[in-house]
Amino acid sequence: DIRKLLTIPEEDLHQQCKALETVLTHDDMRDIDASDLGDELKALSRYISTGSTPKAVLEYMCTNKMTTLFPNAFVALRILLTLPVTVASGERSFSKLKLIKTHLRSTMTHERLVGLATISIEHELAQTVDLQEAVQIFATKKA
């Protein structure tokens, strides 16, 4: 909850930001600046309602064109939301790929393989697609 940042001691916040900066540093290149991030998060927390998720905060920033006002917070939130929570999602992708790319399908193009893998991984979303409507749209565009 980003609103809790208003009650966290300044020293603890900057210590956590420094730890994040260290993790997001490669050689001499840094994704964020720790001292700026702490200040940005404190300022940003004044705009955000209590109980907002990181995704809601990022959407709020984008909607209100605040990404240039809080560049470090914007980068940190994007990284947070794109990192998998566990490595299981990556492993799941590879196991699905093994199932899809059998000997019989080894001649298919990369684009089709990626499409089949995506459908297999996102099978719950794929089941909600209306096939009749998809065929109609496809036929209309190809005719």
C-alpha atoms as a PDB file:
ATOM      1  CA  ASP A   1       0.000   0.000   0.000  1.00  0.00           C
ATOM      2  CA  ILE A   2       1.742   3.134  -1.227  1.00  0.00           C
ATOM      3  CA  ARG A   3      -0.076   5.322   1.342  1.00  0.00           C
ATOM      4  CA  LYS A   4       1.869   3.557   4.112  1.00  0.00           C
ATOM      5  CA  LEU A   5       4.981   5.300   2.814  1.00  0.00           C
ATOM      6  CA  LEU A   6       3.817   8.435   4.610  1.00  0.00           C
ATOM      7  CA  THR A   7       4.232   6.650   7.962  1.00  0.00           C
ATOM      8  CA  ILE A   8       7.497   4.790   7.274  1.00  0.00           C
ATOM      9  CA  PRO A   9      10.588   6.401   8.800  1.00  0.00           C
ATOM     10  CA  GLU A  10      12.614   8.285   6.187  1.00  0.00           C
ATOM     11  CA  GLU A  11      15.752   6.261   6.952  1.00  0.00           C
ATOM     12  CA  ASP A  12      13.983   2.901   6.378  1.00  0.00           C
ATOM     13  CA  LEU A  13      12.522   4.070   3.082  1.00  0.00           C
ATOM     14  CA  HIS A  14      15.886   5.263   1.777  1.00  0.00           C
ATOM     15  CA  GLN A  15      17.529   2.028   2.936  1.00  0.00           C
ATOM     16  CA  GLN A  16      14.978  -0.023   0.960  1.00  0.00           C
ATOM     17  CA  CYS A  17      15.392   2.232  -2.085  1.00  0.00           C
ATOM     18  CA  LYS A  18      19.182   1.815  -1.881  1.00  0.00           C
ATOM     19  CA  ALA A  19      18.769  -1.967  -1.770  1.00  0.00           C
ATOM     20  CA  LEU A  20      16.552  -1.818  -4.861  1.00  0.00           C
ATOM     21  CA  GLU A  21      19.052   0.410  -6.648  1.00  0.00           C
ATOM     22  CA  THR A  22      21.808  -2.108  -5.895  1.00  0.00           C
ATOM     23  CA  VAL A  23      19.739  -4.961  -7.335  1.00  0.00           C
ATOM     24  CA  LEU A  24      18.908  -2.944 -10.455  1.00  0.00           C
ATOM     25  CA  THR A  25      22.536  -1.940 -11.144  1.00  0.00           C
ATOM     26  CA  HIS A  26      24.697  -3.596 -13.773  1.00  0.00           C
ATOM     27  CA  ASP A  27      28.317  -2.420 -14.076  1.00  0.00           C
ATOM     28  CA  ASP A  28      28.008   1.376 -13.967  1.00  0.00           C
ATOM     29  CA  MET A  29      24.457   1.499 -15.310  1.00  0.00           C
ATOM     30  CA  ARG A  30      21.538   2.006 -12.919  1.00  0.00           C
ATOM     31  CA  ASP A  31      17.844   1.719 -13.668  1.00  0.00           C
ATOM     32  CA  ILE A  32      16.873   3.971 -10.761  1.00  0.00           C
ATOM     33  CA  ASP A  33      18.416   6.507  -8.399  1.00  0.00           C
ATOM     34  CA  ALA A  34      17.765   5.508  -4.776  1.00  0.00           C
ATOM     35  CA  SER A  35      17.614   8.967  -3.218  1.00  0.00           C
ATOM     36  CA  ASP A  36      15.329  10.303  -5.941  1.00  0.00           C
ATOM     37  CA  LEU A  37      13.114   7.210  -5.745  1.00  0.00           C
ATOM     38  CA  GLY A  38      12.511   7.686  -2.026  1.00  0.00           C
ATOM     39  CA  ASP A  39      11.510  11.306  -2.517  1.00  0.00           C
ATOM     40  CA  GLU A  40       9.332  10.444  -5.514  1.00  0.00           C
ATOM     41  CA  LEU A  41       7.511   7.690  -3.622  1.00  0.00           C
ATOM     42  CA  LYS A  42       6.806  10.010  -0.692  1.00  0.00           C
ATOM     43  CA  ALA A  43       5.411  12.669  -3.050  1.00  0.00           C
ATOM     44  CA  LEU A  44       3.488  10.151  -5.148  1.00  0.00           C
ATOM     45  CA  SER A  45       1.874   8.602  -2.076  1.00  0.00           C
ATOM     46  CA  ARG A  46       0.034  11.872  -1.445  1.00  0.00           C
ATOM     47  CA  TYR A  47      -1.841  11.481  -4.748  1.00  0.00           C
ATOM     48  CA  ILE A  48      -2.796   7.824  -4.388  1.00  0.00           C
ATOM     49  CA  SER A  49      -5.796   6.514  -2.456  1.00  0.00           C
ATOM     50  CA  THR A  50      -5.409   3.979   0.345  1.00  0.00           C
ATOM     51  CA  GLY A  51      -5.280   0.333  -0.716  1.00  0.00           C
ATOM     52  CA  SER A  52      -4.198   0.982  -4.309  1.00  0.00           C
ATOM     53  CA  THR A  53      -2.323  -1.863  -5.952  1.00  0.00           C
ATOM     54  CA  PRO A  54       0.963  -1.255  -7.800  1.00  0.00           C
ATOM     55  CA  LYS A  55      -0.901  -1.738 -11.079  1.00  0.00           C
ATOM     56  CA  ALA A  56      -3.479   0.881 -10.094  1.00  0.00           C
ATOM     57  CA  VAL A  57      -0.692   3.304  -9.143  1.00  0.00           C
ATOM     58  CA  LEU A  58       1.022   2.770 -12.502  1.00  0.00           C
ATOM     59  CA  GLU A  59      -2.259   3.254 -14.365  1.00  0.00           C
ATOM     60  CA  TYR A  60      -2.920   6.426 -12.367  1.00  0.00           C
ATOM     61  CA  MET A  61       0.530   7.748 -13.265  1.00  0.00           C
ATOM     62  CA  CYS A  62       0.017   7.014 -16.964  1.00  0.00           C
ATOM     63  CA  THR A  63      -3.524   8.387 -17.068  1.00  0.00           C
ATOM     64  CA  ASN A  64      -2.528  11.639 -15.384  1.00  0.00           C
ATOM     65  CA  LYS A  65       0.718  11.984 -17.368  1.00  0.00           C
ATOM     66  CA  MET A  66       2.882  11.823 -14.252  1.00  0.00           C
ATOM     67  CA  THR A  67       5.546   9.521 -15.683  1.00  0.00           C
ATOM     68  CA  THR A  68       7.999  12.365 -16.254  1.00  0.00           C
ATOM     69  CA  LEU A  69       7.330  13.790 -12.780  1.00  0.00           C
ATOM     70  CA  PHE A  70       8.221  10.493 -11.099  1.00  0.00           C
ATOM     71  CA  PRO A  71      10.605   8.720 -13.517  1.00  0.00           C
ATOM     72  CA  ASN A  72      12.262   6.475 -10.925  1.00  0.00           C
ATOM     73  CA  ALA A  73       8.937   5.389  -9.433  1.00  0.00           C
ATOM     74  CA  PHE A  74       7.636   4.742 -12.961  1.00  0.00           C
ATOM     75  CA  VAL A  75      10.608   2.500 -13.815  1.00  0.00           C
ATOM     76  CA  ALA A  76      10.462   0.693 -10.457  1.00  0.00           C
ATOM     77  CA  LEU A  77       6.736  -0.026 -10.810  1.00  0.00           C
ATOM     78  CA  ARG A  78       7.144  -1.280 -14.378  1.00  0.00           C
ATOM     79  CA  ILE A  79       9.918  -3.627 -13.298  1.00  0.00           C
ATOM     80  CA  LEU A  80       7.875  -4.802 -10.309  1.00  0.00           C
ATOM     81  CA  LEU A  81       4.872  -5.590 -12.483  1.00  0.00           C
ATOM     82  CA  THR A  82       6.814  -7.395 -15.215  1.00  0.00           C
ATOM     83  CA  LEU A  83       8.902  -9.661 -12.992  1.00  0.00           C
ATOM     84  CA  PRO A  84       7.336 -13.061 -12.391  1.00  0.00           C
ATOM     85  CA  VAL A  85       6.485 -13.767  -8.775  1.00  0.00           C
ATOM     86  CA  THR A  86       8.027 -17.214  -9.080  1.00  0.00           C
ATOM     87  CA  VAL A  87      10.071 -19.024 -11.667  1.00  0.00           C
ATOM     88  CA  ALA A  88       7.156 -21.386 -12.220  1.00  0.00           C
ATOM     89  CA  SER A  89       5.692 -19.169 -14.945  1.00  0.00           C
ATOM     90  CA  GLY A  90       8.907 -19.393 -16.978  1.00  0.00           C
ATOM     91  CA  GLU A  91       9.158 -23.133 -16.413  1.00  0.00           C
ATOM     92  CA  ARG A  92       5.522 -23.533 -17.405  1.00  0.00           C
ATOM     93  CA  SER A  93       6.228 -21.775 -20.694  1.00  0.00           C
ATOM     94  CA  PHE A  94       9.059 -24.155 -21.516  1.00  0.00           C
ATOM     95  CA  SER A  95       7.085 -27.252 -20.566  1.00  0.00           C
ATOM     96  CA  LYS A  96       4.223 -26.101 -22.792  1.00  0.00           C
ATOM     97  CA  LEU A  97       6.713 -25.501 -25.586  1.00  0.00           C
ATOM     98  CA  LYS A  98       7.905 -29.109 -25.294  1.00  0.00           C
ATOM     99  CA  LEU A  99       4.332 -30.365 -25.580  1.00  0.00           C
ATOM    100  CA  ILE A 100       3.588 -28.205 -28.608  1.00  0.00           C
ATOM    101  CA  LYS A 101       6.781 -28.717 -30.593  1.00  0.00           C
ATOM    102  CA  THR A 102       6.622 -32.424 -31.229  1.00  0.00           C
ATOM    103  CA  HIS A 103       8.458 -34.184 -34.019  1.00  0.00           C
ATOM    104  CA  LEU A 104       5.477 -33.834 -36.348  1.00  0.00           C
ATOM    105  CA  ARG A 105       5.285 -30.074 -35.781  1.00  0.00           C
ATOM    106  CA  SER A 106       9.004 -29.350 -35.998  1.00  0.00           C
ATOM    107  CA  THR A 107       8.568 -27.883 -39.473  1.00  0.00           C
ATOM    108  CA  MET A 108       6.188 -25.108 -38.427  1.00  0.00           C
ATOM    109  CA  THR A 109       7.289 -21.486 -38.518  1.00  0.00           C
ATOM    110  CA  HIS A 110       8.469 -19.681 -35.408  1.00  0.00           C
ATOM    111  CA  GLU A 111       5.505 -17.288 -35.556  1.00  0.00           C
ATOM    112  CA  ARG A 112       3.012 -20.144 -35.479  1.00  0.00           C
ATOM    113  CA  LEU A 113       4.898 -21.882 -32.676  1.00  0.00           C
ATOM    114  CA  VAL A 114       4.807 -18.698 -30.586  1.00  0.00           C
ATOM    115  CA  GLY A 115       1.085 -18.331 -31.269  1.00  0.00           C
ATOM    116  CA  LEU A 116       0.340 -21.903 -30.229  1.00  0.00           C
ATOM    117  CA  ALA A 117       2.489 -21.536 -27.108  1.00  0.00           C
ATOM    118  CA  THR A 118       0.642 -18.363 -26.141  1.00  0.00           C
ATOM    119  CA  ILE A 119      -2.740 -20.022 -26.631  1.00  0.00           C
ATOM    120  CA  SER A 120      -1.624 -23.021 -24.609  1.00  0.00           C
ATOM    121  CA  ILE A 121      -0.255 -20.930 -21.744  1.00  0.00           C
ATOM    122  CA  GLU A 122      -3.263 -18.580 -21.701  1.00  0.00           C
ATOM    123  CA  HIS A 123      -5.772 -21.395 -22.175  1.00  0.00           C
ATOM    124  CA  GLU A 124      -8.314 -19.859 -19.777  1.00  0.00           C
ATOM    125  CA  LEU A 125      -8.443 -16.666 -21.835  1.00  0.00           C
ATOM    126  CA  ALA A 126      -8.489 -18.668 -25.079  1.00  0.00           C
ATOM    127  CA  GLN A 127     -11.589 -20.546 -23.949  1.00  0.00           C
ATOM    128  CA  THR A 128     -13.525 -17.278 -23.680  1.00  0.00           C
ATOM    129  CA  VAL A 129     -12.977 -16.409 -27.363  1.00  0.00           C
ATOM    130  CA  ASP A 130     -16.099 -16.748 -29.508  1.00  0.00           C
ATOM    131  CA  LEU A 131     -14.878 -18.878 -32.420  1.00  0.00           C
ATOM    132  CA  GLN A 132     -17.839 -18.082 -34.665  1.00  0.00           C
ATOM    133  CA  GLU A 133     -17.162 -14.365 -34.327  1.00  0.00           C
ATOM    134  CA  ALA A 134     -13.422 -14.877 -34.903  1.00  0.00           C
ATOM    135  CA  VAL A 135     -14.127 -16.850 -38.099  1.00  0.00           C
ATOM    136  CA  GLN A 136     -16.531 -14.135 -39.308  1.00  0.00           C
ATOM    137  CA  ILE A 137     -13.950 -11.390 -38.702  1.00  0.00           C
ATOM    138  CA  PHE A 138     -11.229 -13.432 -40.415  1.00  0.00           C
ATOM    139  CA  ALA A 139     -13.456 -14.210 -43.411  1.00  0.00           C
ATOM    140  CA  THR A 140     -14.489 -10.570 -43.756  1.00  0.00           C
ATOM    141  CA  LYS A 141     -10.884  -9.353 -43.764  1.00  0.00           C
ATOM    142  CA  LYS A 142      -9.667 -12.045 -46.161  1.00  0.00           C
ATOM    143  CA  ALA A 143     -12.576 -11.735 -48.618  1.00  0.00           C
END
